[in-house]
């Protein structure tokens, strides 16, 4: 199966842990883990990822999703909330929060042009 590249956005232990979990997968490459949506724009331009994961520990992270979607409307944004039992792909597709399910969801994303 083809490896997928992601950029993780978050300034927390949760974002760092998520980055480490995904980096252990042979199906996902973590190109960058950046603290803010502003920093994500540069990482997206540099790495051309297949998806962006916004890793938040509270509701304050909601703003980052909108900024990223506006800047890159064809780039899937995965919203991972530490306090939820699922993650949300901005296409409104919900998957369970287990690492294996997240890796599968990333692998099944359509290839960007």
PDB file of N, CA and C in Angstrom:
ATOM      1  N   UNK A   1       0.841  -1.176   0.000  1.00  0.00           N
ATOM      2  CA  UNK A   1       0.000   0.000   0.000  1.00  0.00           C
ATOM      3  C   UNK A   1       0.891   1.246   0.000  1.00  0.00           C
ATOM      4  N   UNK A   2       0.442   2.262  -0.653  1.00  0.00           N
ATOM      5  CA  UNK A   2       1.190   3.512  -0.801  1.00  0.00           C
ATOM      6  C   UNK A   2       1.272   4.290   0.518  1.00  0.00           C
ATOM      7  N   UNK A   3       2.456   4.818   0.804  1.00  0.00           N
ATOM      8  CA  UNK A   3       2.635   5.658   1.998  1.00  0.00           C
ATOM      9  C   UNK A   3       1.963   7.006   1.761  1.00  0.00           C
ATOM     10  N   UNK A   4       1.369   7.535   2.796  1.00  0.00           N
ATOM     11  CA  UNK A   4       0.751   8.854   2.759  1.00  0.00           C
ATOM     12  C   UNK A   4       1.521   9.800   3.667  1.00  0.00           C
ATOM     13  N   UNK A   5       1.590  11.045   3.263  1.00  0.00           N
ATOM     14  CA  UNK A   5       2.321  12.059   4.005  1.00  0.00           C
ATOM     15  C   UNK A   5       1.341  12.985   4.707  1.00  0.00           C
ATOM     16  N   UNK A   6       1.607  13.285   5.978  1.00  0.00           N
ATOM     17  CA  UNK A   6       0.754  14.192   6.741  1.00  0.00           C
ATOM     18  C   UNK A   6       1.593  15.262   7.420  1.00  0.00           C
ATOM     19  N   UNK A   7       0.950  16.384   7.685  1.00  0.00           N
ATOM     20  CA  UNK A   7       1.493  17.438   8.528  1.00  0.00           C
ATOM     21  C   UNK A   7       0.573  17.504   9.739  1.00  0.00           C
ATOM     22  N   UNK A   8       1.159  17.523  10.926  1.00  0.00           N
ATOM     23  CA  UNK A   8       0.379  17.610  12.158  1.00  0.00           C
ATOM     24  C   UNK A   8       0.481  19.030  12.702  1.00  0.00           C
ATOM     25  N   UNK A   9      -0.676  19.587  13.084  1.00  0.00           N
ATOM     26  CA  UNK A   9      -0.736  20.936  13.648  1.00  0.00           C
ATOM     27  C   UNK A   9      -1.182  20.823  15.099  1.00  0.00           C
ATOM     28  N   UNK A  10      -0.359  21.308  16.005  1.00  0.00           N
ATOM     29  CA  UNK A  10      -0.725  21.300  17.414  1.00  0.00           C
ATOM     30  C   UNK A  10       0.492  21.569  18.271  1.00  0.00           C
ATOM     31  N   UNK A  11       0.277  22.261  19.360  1.00  0.00           N
ATOM     32  CA  UNK A  11       1.358  22.599  20.279  1.00  0.00           C
ATOM     33  C   UNK A  11       1.044  21.970  21.627  1.00  0.00           C
ATOM     34  N   UNK A  12       1.133  20.634  21.665  1.00  0.00           N
ATOM     35  CA  UNK A  12       0.777  19.935  22.897  1.00  0.00           C
ATOM     36  C   UNK A  12       1.448  18.570  22.927  1.00  0.00           C
ATOM     37  N   UNK A  13       1.415  17.969  24.075  1.00  0.00           N
ATOM     38  CA  UNK A  13       1.914  16.605  24.219  1.00  0.00           C
ATOM     39  C   UNK A  13       1.085  15.658  23.352  1.00  0.00           C
ATOM     40  N   UNK A  14      -0.209  15.957  23.208  1.00  0.00           N
ATOM     41  CA  UNK A  14      -1.078  15.136  22.353  1.00  0.00           C
ATOM     42  C   UNK A  14      -0.577  15.143  20.911  1.00  0.00           C
ATOM     43  N   UNK A  15      -0.247  16.311  20.366  1.00  0.00           N
ATOM     44  CA  UNK A  15       0.259  16.395  18.995  1.00  0.00           C
ATOM     45  C   UNK A  15       1.581  15.654  18.858  1.00  0.00           C
ATOM     46  N   UNK A  16       2.464  15.813  19.830  1.00  0.00           N
ATOM     47  CA  UNK A  16       3.746  15.105  19.796  1.00  0.00           C
ATOM     48  C   UNK A  16       3.546  13.592  19.859  1.00  0.00           C
ATOM     49  N   UNK A  17       2.650  13.139  20.725  1.00  0.00           N
ATOM     50  CA  UNK A  17       2.377  11.704  20.850  1.00  0.00           C
ATOM     51  C   UNK A  17       1.761  11.149  19.573  1.00  0.00           C
ATOM     52  N   UNK A  18       0.836  11.892  18.999  1.00  0.00           N
ATOM     53  CA  UNK A  18       0.208  11.473  17.748  1.00  0.00           C
ATOM     54  C   UNK A  18       1.256  11.351  16.646  1.00  0.00           C
ATOM     55  N   UNK A  19       2.168  12.305  16.597  1.00  0.00           N
ATOM     56  CA  UNK A  19       3.245  12.273  15.616  1.00  0.00           C
ATOM     57  C   UNK A  19       4.099  11.022  15.787  1.00  0.00           C
ATOM     58  N   UNK A  20       4.419  10.674  17.023  1.00  0.00           N
ATOM     59  CA  UNK A  20       5.230   9.493  17.291  1.00  0.00           C
ATOM     60  C   UNK A  20       4.506   8.204  16.908  1.00  0.00           C
ATOM     61  N   UNK A  21       3.216   8.128  17.214  1.00  0.00           N
ATOM     62  CA  UNK A  21       2.431   6.933  16.876  1.00  0.00           C
ATOM     63  C   UNK A  21       2.378   6.748  15.362  1.00  0.00           C
ATOM     64  N   UNK A  22       2.086   7.822  14.645  1.00  0.00           N
ATOM     65  CA  UNK A  22       1.976   7.721  13.187  1.00  0.00           C
ATOM     66  C   UNK A  22       3.333   7.458  12.535  1.00  0.00           C
ATOM     67  N   UNK A  23       4.403   7.998  13.096  1.00  0.00           N
ATOM     68  CA  UNK A  23       5.737   7.785  12.541  1.00  0.00           C
ATOM     69  C   UNK A  23       6.157   6.319  12.619  1.00  0.00           C
ATOM     70  N   UNK A  24       5.564   5.562  13.527  1.00  0.00           N
ATOM     71  CA  UNK A  24       5.878   4.140  13.656  1.00  0.00           C
ATOM     72  C   UNK A  24       5.182   3.288  12.596  1.00  0.00           C
ATOM     73  N   UNK A  25       4.243   3.875  11.886  1.00  0.00           N
ATOM     74  CA  UNK A  25       3.504   3.143  10.857  1.00  0.00           C
ATOM     75  C   UNK A  25       4.318   3.087   9.569  1.00  0.00           C
ATOM     76  N   UNK A  26       4.205   1.983   8.855  1.00  0.00           N
ATOM     77  CA  UNK A  26       4.866   1.897   7.547  1.00  0.00           C
ATOM     78  C   UNK A  26       3.964   2.438   6.439  1.00  0.00           C
ATOM     79  N   UNK A  27       2.816   3.019   6.812  1.00  0.00           N
ATOM     80  CA  UNK A  27       1.884   3.554   5.825  1.00  0.00           C
ATOM     81  C   UNK A  27       1.764   5.071   5.869  1.00  0.00           C
ATOM     82  N   UNK A  28       2.373   5.708   6.879  1.00  0.00           N
ATOM     83  CA  UNK A  28       2.248   7.150   7.046  1.00  0.00           C
ATOM     84  C   UNK A  28       3.630   7.762   7.283  1.00  0.00           C
ATOM     85  N   UNK A  29       3.897   8.871   6.596  1.00  0.00           N
ATOM     86  CA  UNK A  29       5.095   9.662   6.842  1.00  0.00           C
ATOM     87  C   UNK A  29       4.658  10.981   7.446  1.00  0.00           C
ATOM     88  N   UNK A  30       5.183  11.317   8.610  1.00  0.00           N
ATOM     89  CA  UNK A  30       4.908  12.606   9.235  1.00  0.00           C
ATOM     90  C   UNK A  30       5.973  13.577   8.724  1.00  0.00           C
ATOM     91  N   UNK A  31       5.575  14.469   7.829  1.00  0.00           N
ATOM     92  CA  UNK A  31       6.518  15.405   7.210  1.00  0.00           C
ATOM     93  C   UNK A  31       6.908  16.519   8.172  1.00  0.00           C
ATOM     94  N   UNK A  32       5.963  16.936   9.009  1.00  0.00           N
ATOM     95  CA  UNK A  32       6.229  18.025   9.954  1.00  0.00           C
ATOM     96  C   UNK A  32       5.188  18.004  11.055  1.00  0.00           C
ATOM     97  N   UNK A  33       5.592  18.486  12.213  1.00  0.00           N
ATOM     98  CA  UNK A  33       4.665  18.707  13.324  1.00  0.00           C
ATOM     99  C   UNK A  33       4.884  20.157  13.739  1.00  0.00           C
ATOM    100  N   UNK A  34       3.904  21.003  13.458  1.00  0.00           N
ATOM    101  CA  UNK A  34       4.048  22.447  13.663  1.00  0.00           C
ATOM    102  C   UNK A  34       3.040  22.935  14.703  1.00  0.00           C
ATOM    103  N   UNK A  35       3.347  24.055  15.384  1.00  0.00           N
ATOM    104  CA  UNK A  35       2.495  24.490  16.487  1.00  0.00           C
ATOM    105  C   UNK A  35       1.213  25.222  16.096  1.00  0.00           C
ATOM    106  N   UNK A  36       1.186  25.871  14.917  1.00  0.00           N
ATOM    107  CA  UNK A  36       0.045  26.728  14.578  1.00  0.00           C
ATOM    108  C   UNK A  36      -0.402  26.530  13.127  1.00  0.00           C
ATOM    109  N   UNK A  37      -1.647  26.923  12.815  1.00  0.00           N
ATOM    110  CA  UNK A  37      -2.087  26.877  11.419  1.00  0.00           C
ATOM    111  C   UNK A  37      -1.224  27.752  10.512  1.00  0.00           C
ATOM    112  N   UNK A  38      -0.731  28.871  11.019  1.00  0.00           N
ATOM    113  CA  UNK A  38       0.144  29.722  10.220  1.00  0.00           C
ATOM    114  C   UNK A  38       1.418  28.986   9.824  1.00  0.00           C
ATOM    115  N   UNK A  39       2.010  28.284  10.763  1.00  0.00           N
ATOM    116  CA  UNK A  39       3.202  27.491  10.481  1.00  0.00           C
ATOM    117  C   UNK A  39       2.863  26.322   9.557  1.00  0.00           C
ATOM    118  N   UNK A  40       1.637  25.839   9.639  1.00  0.00           N
ATOM    119  CA  UNK A  40       1.219  24.720   8.783  1.00  0.00           C
ATOM    120  C   UNK A  40       1.225  25.117   7.316  1.00  0.00           C
ATOM    121  N   UNK A  41       0.876  26.359   7.021  1.00  0.00           N
ATOM    122  CA  UNK A  41       0.851  26.781   5.615  1.00  0.00           C
ATOM    123  C   UNK A  41       2.221  26.623   4.967  1.00  0.00           C
ATOM    124  N   UNK A  42       3.275  26.997   5.672  1.00  0.00           N
ATOM    125  CA  UNK A  42       4.629  26.838   5.130  1.00  0.00           C
ATOM    126  C   UNK A  42       4.992  25.362   4.996  1.00  0.00           C
ATOM    127  N   UNK A  43       4.627  24.557   5.983  1.00  0.00           N
ATOM    128  CA  UNK A  43       4.923  23.125   5.929  1.00  0.00           C
ATOM    129  C   UNK A  43       4.158  22.452   4.794  1.00  0.00           C
ATOM    130  N   UNK A  44       2.918  22.876   4.567  1.00  0.00           N
ATOM    131  CA  UNK A  44       2.115  22.324   3.470  1.00  0.00           C
ATOM    132  C   UNK A  44       2.763  22.667   2.135  1.00  0.00           C
ATOM    133  N   UNK A  45       3.202  23.906   1.981  1.00  0.00           N
ATOM    134  CA  UNK A  45       3.853  24.314   0.733  1.00  0.00           C
ATOM    135  C   UNK A  45       5.148  23.531   0.510  1.00  0.00           C
ATOM    136  N   UNK A  46       5.890  23.296   1.570  1.00  0.00           N
ATOM    137  CA  UNK A  46       7.176  22.612   1.448  1.00  0.00           C
ATOM    138  C   UNK A  46       7.033  21.117   1.199  1.00  0.00           C
ATOM    139  N   UNK A  47       6.034  20.482   1.815  1.00  0.00           N
ATOM    140  CA  UNK A  47       5.941  19.014   1.792  1.00  0.00           C
ATOM    141  C   UNK A  47       4.818  18.448   0.932  1.00  0.00           C
ATOM    142  N   UNK A  48       3.849  19.276   0.539  1.00  0.00           N
ATOM    143  CA  UNK A  48       2.704  18.817  -0.258  1.00  0.00           C
ATOM    144  C   UNK A  48       2.103  17.531   0.319  1.00  0.00           C
ATOM    145  N   UNK A  49       1.617  17.574   1.573  1.00  0.00           N
ATOM    146  CA  UNK A  49       1.098  16.362   2.214  1.00  0.00           C
ATOM    147  C   UNK A  49      -0.227  15.915   1.611  1.00  0.00           C
ATOM    148  N   UNK A  50      -0.580  14.686   1.929  1.00  0.00           N
ATOM    149  CA  UNK A  50      -1.869  14.134   1.509  1.00  0.00           C
ATOM    150  C   UNK A  50      -2.984  14.572   2.449  1.00  0.00           C
ATOM    151  N   UNK A  51      -2.627  14.959   3.681  1.00  0.00           N
ATOM    152  CA  UNK A  51      -3.615  15.408   4.670  1.00  0.00           C
ATOM    153  C   UNK A  51      -2.916  16.212   5.752  1.00  0.00           C
ATOM    154  N   UNK A  52      -3.718  17.000   6.462  1.00  0.00           N
ATOM    155  CA  UNK A  52      -3.253  17.734   7.633  1.00  0.00           C
ATOM    156  C   UNK A  52      -4.071  17.233   8.811  1.00  0.00           C
ATOM    157  N   UNK A  53      -3.397  16.983   9.918  1.00  0.00           N
ATOM    158  CA  UNK A  53      -4.087  16.580  11.139  1.00  0.00           C
ATOM    159  C   UNK A  53      -3.993  17.728  12.128  1.00  0.00           C
ATOM    160  N   UNK A  54      -5.141  18.248  12.555  1.00  0.00           N
ATOM    161  CA  UNK A  54      -5.182  19.282  13.582  1.00  0.00           C
ATOM    162  C   UNK A  54      -5.441  18.565  14.901  1.00  0.00           C
ATOM    163  N   UNK A  55      -4.418  18.519  15.744  1.00  0.00           N
ATOM    164  CA  UNK A  55      -4.484  17.804  17.023  1.00  0.00           C
ATOM    165  C   UNK A  55      -4.728  18.816  18.136  1.00  0.00           C
ATOM    166  N   UNK A  56      -5.912  18.779  18.711  1.00  0.00           N
ATOM    167  CA  UNK A  56      -6.278  19.767  19.725  1.00  0.00           C
ATOM    168  C   UNK A  56      -6.614  19.086  21.046  1.00  0.00           C
ATOM    169  N   UNK A  57      -6.431  19.844  22.106  1.00  0.00           N
ATOM    170  CA  UNK A  57      -6.780  19.347  23.435  1.00  0.00           C
ATOM    171  C   UNK A  57      -7.973  20.087  24.018  1.00  0.00           C
ATOM    172  N   UNK A  58      -8.466  21.088  23.288  1.00  0.00           N
ATOM    173  CA  UNK A  58      -9.651  21.833  23.709  1.00  0.00           C
ATOM    174  C   UNK A  58     -10.315  22.448  22.480  1.00  0.00           C
ATOM    175  N   UNK A  59     -11.402  23.108  22.659  1.00  0.00           N
ATOM    176  CA  UNK A  59     -12.169  23.678  21.546  1.00  0.00           C
ATOM    177  C   UNK A  59     -11.463  24.838  20.858  1.00  0.00           C
ATOM    178  N   UNK A  60     -10.414  25.373  21.421  1.00  0.00           N
ATOM    179  CA  UNK A  60      -9.703  26.497  20.800  1.00  0.00           C
ATOM    180  C   UNK A  60      -9.116  26.101  19.450  1.00  0.00           C
ATOM    181  N   UNK A  61      -8.915  24.821  19.222  1.00  0.00           N
ATOM    182  CA  UNK A  61      -8.338  24.355  17.968  1.00  0.00           C
ATOM    183  C   UNK A  61      -9.274  24.428  16.785  1.00  0.00           C
ATOM    184  N   UNK A  62     -10.555  24.677  17.013  1.00  0.00           N
ATOM    185  CA  UNK A  62     -11.518  24.739  15.915  1.00  0.00           C
ATOM    186  C   UNK A  62     -11.146  25.788  14.877  1.00  0.00           C
ATOM    187  N   UNK A  63     -10.577  26.912  15.294  1.00  0.00           N
ATOM    188  CA  UNK A  63     -10.227  27.982  14.370  1.00  0.00           C
ATOM    189  C   UNK A  63      -9.211  27.535  13.334  1.00  0.00           C
ATOM    190  N   UNK A  64      -8.298  26.679  13.704  1.00  0.00           N
ATOM    191  CA  UNK A  64      -7.263  26.219  12.790  1.00  0.00           C
ATOM    192  C   UNK A  64      -7.815  25.459  11.608  1.00  0.00           C
ATOM    193  N   UNK A  65      -8.864  24.701  11.803  1.00  0.00           N
ATOM    194  CA  UNK A  65      -9.451  23.936  10.701  1.00  0.00           C
ATOM    195  C   UNK A  65      -9.955  24.865   9.608  1.00  0.00           C
ATOM    196  N   UNK A  66     -10.658  25.900   9.988  1.00  0.00           N
ATOM    197  CA  UNK A  66     -11.211  26.825   9.003  1.00  0.00           C
ATOM    198  C   UNK A  66     -10.130  27.529   8.207  1.00  0.00           C
ATOM    199  N   UNK A  67      -9.065  27.938   8.876  1.00  0.00           N
ATOM    200  CA  UNK A  67      -7.961  28.604   8.186  1.00  0.00           C
ATOM    201  C   UNK A  67      -7.303  27.673   7.169  1.00  0.00           C
ATOM    202  N   UNK A  68      -7.111  26.433   7.559  1.00  0.00           N
ATOM    203  CA  UNK A  68      -6.450  25.488   6.656  1.00  0.00           C
ATOM    204  C   UNK A  68      -7.328  25.140   5.458  1.00  0.00           C
ATOM    205  N   UNK A  69      -8.610  24.977   5.695  1.00  0.00           N
ATOM    206  CA  UNK A  69      -9.531  24.663   4.590  1.00  0.00           C
ATOM    207  C   UNK A  69      -9.594  25.827   3.612  1.00  0.00           C
ATOM    208  N   UNK A  70      -9.636  27.049   4.129  1.00  0.00           N
ATOM    209  CA  UNK A  70      -9.687  28.215   3.251  1.00  0.00           C
ATOM    210  C   UNK A  70      -8.418  28.336   2.409  1.00  0.00           C
ATOM    211  N   UNK A  71      -7.276  28.041   3.003  1.00  0.00           N
ATOM    212  CA  UNK A  71      -6.004  28.164   2.295  1.00  0.00           C
ATOM    213  C   UNK A  71      -5.767  27.013   1.312  1.00  0.00           C
ATOM    214  N   UNK A  72      -6.262  25.824   1.632  1.00  0.00           N
ATOM    215  CA  UNK A  72      -6.026  24.618   0.819  1.00  0.00           C
ATOM    216  C   UNK A  72      -7.329  23.826   0.710  1.00  0.00           C
ATOM    217  N   UNK A  73      -8.282  24.273  -0.094  1.00  0.00           N
ATOM    218  CA  UNK A  73      -9.595  23.612  -0.106  1.00  0.00           C
ATOM    219  C   UNK A  73      -9.582  22.159  -0.578  1.00  0.00           C
ATOM    220  N   UNK A  74      -8.566  21.743  -1.321  1.00  0.00           N
ATOM    221  CA  UNK A  74      -8.530  20.355  -1.782  1.00  0.00           C
ATOM    222  C   UNK A  74      -7.744  19.440  -0.840  1.00  0.00           C
ATOM    223  N   UNK A  75      -7.202  19.975   0.243  1.00  0.00           N
ATOM    224  CA  UNK A  75      -6.399  19.203   1.182  1.00  0.00           C
ATOM    225  C   UNK A  75      -7.281  18.700   2.331  1.00  0.00           C
ATOM    226  N   UNK A  76      -7.397  17.392   2.500  1.00  0.00           N
ATOM    227  CA  UNK A  76      -8.203  16.881   3.621  1.00  0.00           C
ATOM    228  C   UNK A  76      -7.604  17.302   4.955  1.00  0.00           C
ATOM    229  N   UNK A  77      -8.472  17.766   5.847  1.00  0.00           N
ATOM    230  CA  UNK A  77      -8.063  18.138   7.194  1.00  0.00           C
ATOM    231  C   UNK A  77      -8.731  17.158   8.148  1.00  0.00           C
ATOM    232  N   UNK A  78      -7.911  16.517   8.956  1.00  0.00           N
ATOM    233  CA  UNK A  78      -8.413  15.571   9.953  1.00  0.00           C
ATOM    234  C   UNK A  78      -8.340  16.269  11.303  1.00  0.00           C
ATOM    235  N   UNK A  79      -9.474  16.362  11.956  1.00  0.00           N
ATOM    236  CA  UNK A  79      -9.588  17.040  13.235  1.00  0.00           C
ATOM    237  C   UNK A  79      -9.553  15.974  14.324  1.00  0.00           C
ATOM    238  N   UNK A  80      -8.476  15.945  15.107  1.00  0.00           N
ATOM    239  CA  UNK A  80      -8.316  14.966  16.177  1.00  0.00           C
ATOM    240  C   UNK A  80      -8.383  15.698  17.509  1.00  0.00           C
ATOM    241  N   UNK A  81      -9.438  15.439  18.265  1.00  0.00           N
ATOM    242  CA  UNK A  81      -9.660  16.086  19.554  1.00  0.00           C
ATOM    243  C   UNK A  81      -9.339  15.074  20.647  1.00  0.00           C
ATOM    244  N   UNK A  82      -8.415  15.418  21.522  1.00  0.00           N
ATOM    245  CA  UNK A  82      -8.011  14.535  22.611  1.00  0.00           C
ATOM    246  C   UNK A  82      -9.207  14.109  23.456  1.00  0.00           C
ATOM    247  N   UNK A  83     -10.214  14.959  23.575  1.00  0.00           N
ATOM    248  CA  UNK A  83     -11.344  14.694  24.456  1.00  0.00           C
ATOM    249  C   UNK A  83     -12.499  13.979  23.768  1.00  0.00           C
ATOM    250  N   UNK A  84     -12.312  13.547  22.525  1.00  0.00           N
ATOM    251  CA  UNK A  84     -13.377  12.860  21.790  1.00  0.00           C
ATOM    252  C   UNK A  84     -12.998  11.401  21.591  1.00  0.00           C
ATOM    253  N   UNK A  85     -13.979  10.580  21.289  1.00  0.00           N
ATOM    254  CA  UNK A  85     -13.699   9.169  21.037  1.00  0.00           C
ATOM    255  C   UNK A  85     -13.632   8.859  19.546  1.00  0.00           C
ATOM    256  N   UNK A  86     -13.550   9.897  18.725  1.00  0.00           N
ATOM    257  CA  UNK A  86     -13.396   9.717  17.285  1.00  0.00           C
ATOM    258  C   UNK A  86     -12.629  10.900  16.724  1.00  0.00           C
ATOM    259  N   UNK A  87     -12.154  10.749  15.500  1.00  0.00           N
ATOM    260  CA  UNK A  87     -11.556  11.875  14.787  1.00  0.00           C
ATOM    261  C   UNK A  87     -12.474  12.208  13.632  1.00  0.00           C
ATOM    262  N   UNK A  88     -12.374  13.432  13.127  1.00  0.00           N
ATOM    263  CA  UNK A  88     -13.284  13.859  12.068  1.00  0.00           C
ATOM    264  C   UNK A  88     -12.480  14.301  10.863  1.00  0.00           C
ATOM    265  N   UNK A  89     -12.751  13.689   9.723  1.00  0.00           N
ATOM    266  CA  UNK A  89     -12.215  14.178   8.465  1.00  0.00           C
ATOM    267  C   UNK A  89     -13.182  15.269   8.043  1.00  0.00           C
ATOM    268  N   UNK A  90     -12.694  16.414   7.650  1.00  0.00           N
ATOM    269  CA  UNK A  90     -13.551  17.568   7.434  1.00  0.00           C
ATOM    270  C   UNK A  90     -14.637  17.296   6.396  1.00  0.00           C
ATOM    271  N   UNK A  91     -14.512  16.246   5.646  1.00  0.00           N
ATOM    272  CA  UNK A  91     -15.591  15.865   4.747  1.00  0.00           C
ATOM    273  C   UNK A  91     -16.784  15.309   5.516  1.00  0.00           C
ATOM    274  N   UNK A  92     -16.714  15.387   6.852  1.00  0.00           N
ATOM    275  CA  UNK A  92     -17.737  14.907   7.788  1.00  0.00           C
ATOM    276  C   UNK A  92     -17.712  13.401   7.980  1.00  0.00           C
ATOM    277  N   UNK A  93     -16.718  12.748   7.463  1.00  0.00           N
ATOM    278  CA  UNK A  93     -16.576  11.313   7.668  1.00  0.00           C
ATOM    279  C   UNK A  93     -16.019  11.086   9.066  1.00  0.00           C
ATOM    280  N   UNK A  94     -16.684  10.281   9.866  1.00  0.00           N
ATOM    281  CA  UNK A  94     -16.195   9.994  11.218  1.00  0.00           C
ATOM    282  C   UNK A  94     -15.594   8.590  11.232  1.00  0.00           C
ATOM    283  N   UNK A  95     -14.492   8.471  11.938  1.00  0.00           N
ATOM    284  CA  UNK A  95     -13.860   7.176  12.147  1.00  0.00           C
ATOM    285  C   UNK A  95     -13.533   7.067  13.623  1.00  0.00           C
ATOM    286  N   UNK A  96     -13.326   5.855  14.105  1.00  0.00           N
ATOM    287  CA  UNK A  96     -13.002   5.714  15.525  1.00  0.00           C
ATOM    288  C   UNK A  96     -11.608   6.272  15.783  1.00  0.00           C
ATOM    289  N   UNK A  97     -11.297   6.536  17.024  1.00  0.00           N
ATOM    290  CA  UNK A  97     -10.059   7.224  17.379  1.00  0.00           C
ATOM    291  C   UNK A  97      -8.865   6.287  17.557  1.00  0.00           C
ATOM    292  N   UNK A  98      -9.025   5.011  17.317  1.00  0.00           N
ATOM    293  CA  UNK A  98      -7.875   4.099  17.453  1.00  0.00           C
ATOM    294  C   UNK A  98      -6.839   4.422  16.384  1.00  0.00           C
ATOM    295  N   UNK A  99      -5.573   4.285  16.726  1.00  0.00           N
ATOM    296  CA  UNK A  99      -4.482   4.609  15.794  1.00  0.00           C
ATOM    297  C   UNK A  99      -4.615   3.817  14.497  1.00  0.00           C
ATOM    298  N   UNK A 100      -4.988   2.555  14.579  1.00  0.00           N
ATOM    299  CA  UNK A 100      -5.121   1.737  13.371  1.00  0.00           C
ATOM    300  C   UNK A 100      -6.194   2.299  12.447  1.00  0.00           C
ATOM    301  N   UNK A 101      -7.299   2.796  13.017  1.00  0.00           N
ATOM    302  CA  UNK A 101      -8.369   3.370  12.202  1.00  0.00           C
ATOM    303  C   UNK A 101      -7.926   4.685  11.565  1.00  0.00           C
ATOM    304  N   UNK A 102      -7.167   5.477  12.295  1.00  0.00           N
ATOM    305  CA  UNK A 102      -6.653   6.735  11.753  1.00  0.00           C
ATOM    306  C   UNK A 102      -5.692   6.447  10.602  1.00  0.00           C
ATOM    307  N   UNK A 103      -4.821   5.479  10.769  1.00  0.00           N
ATOM    308  CA  UNK A 103      -3.872   5.112   9.718  1.00  0.00           C
ATOM    309  C   UNK A 103      -4.612   4.613   8.480  1.00  0.00           C
ATOM    310  N   UNK A 104      -5.646   3.809   8.674  1.00  0.00           N
ATOM    311  CA  UNK A 104      -6.454   3.316   7.554  1.00  0.00           C
ATOM    312  C   UNK A 104      -7.140   4.475   6.835  1.00  0.00           C
ATOM    313  N   UNK A 105      -7.702   5.423   7.602  1.00  0.00           N
ATOM    314  CA  UNK A 105      -8.376   6.575   6.981  1.00  0.00           C
ATOM    315  C   UNK A 105      -7.400   7.394   6.151  1.00  0.00           C
ATOM    316  N   UNK A 106      -6.192   7.589   6.647  1.00  0.00           N
ATOM    317  CA  UNK A 106      -5.186   8.340   5.895  1.00  0.00           C
ATOM    318  C   UNK A 106      -4.817   7.598   4.623  1.00  0.00           C
ATOM    319  N   UNK A 107      -4.643   6.301   4.734  1.00  0.00           N
ATOM    320  CA  UNK A 107      -4.259   5.491   3.569  1.00  0.00           C
ATOM    321  C   UNK A 107      -5.335   5.510   2.483  1.00  0.00           C
ATOM    322  N   UNK A 108      -6.594   5.659   2.869  1.00  0.00           N
ATOM    323  CA  UNK A 108      -7.690   5.613   1.910  1.00  0.00           C
ATOM    324  C   UNK A 108      -8.063   6.969   1.334  1.00  0.00           C
ATOM    325  N   UNK A 109      -7.358   8.023   1.730  1.00  0.00           N
ATOM    326  CA  UNK A 109      -7.639   9.339   1.174  1.00  0.00           C
ATOM    327  C   UNK A 109      -7.337   9.363  -0.316  1.00  0.00           C
ATOM    328  N   UNK A 110      -8.127  10.103  -1.096  1.00  0.00           N
ATOM    329  CA  UNK A 110      -7.805  10.214  -2.524  1.00  0.00           C
ATOM    330  C   UNK A 110      -6.492  10.954  -2.717  1.00  0.00           C
ATOM    331  N   UNK A 111      -5.759  10.546  -3.719  1.00  0.00           N
ATOM    332  CA  UNK A 111      -4.476  11.185  -4.026  1.00  0.00           C
ATOM    333  C   UNK A 111      -4.709  12.601  -4.529  1.00  0.00           C
ATOM    334  N   UNK A 112      -3.926  13.561  -4.019  1.00  0.00           N
ATOM    335  CA  UNK A 112      -4.034  14.946  -4.492  1.00  0.00           C
ATOM    336  C   UNK A 112      -3.373  15.082  -5.843  1.00  0.00           C
ATOM    337  N   UNK A 113      -3.852  16.018  -6.637  1.00  0.00           N
ATOM    338  CA  UNK A 113      -3.280  16.232  -7.972  1.00  0.00           C
ATOM    339  C   UNK A 113      -2.062  17.081  -7.919  1.00  0.00           C
TER     340      UNK A 113
END
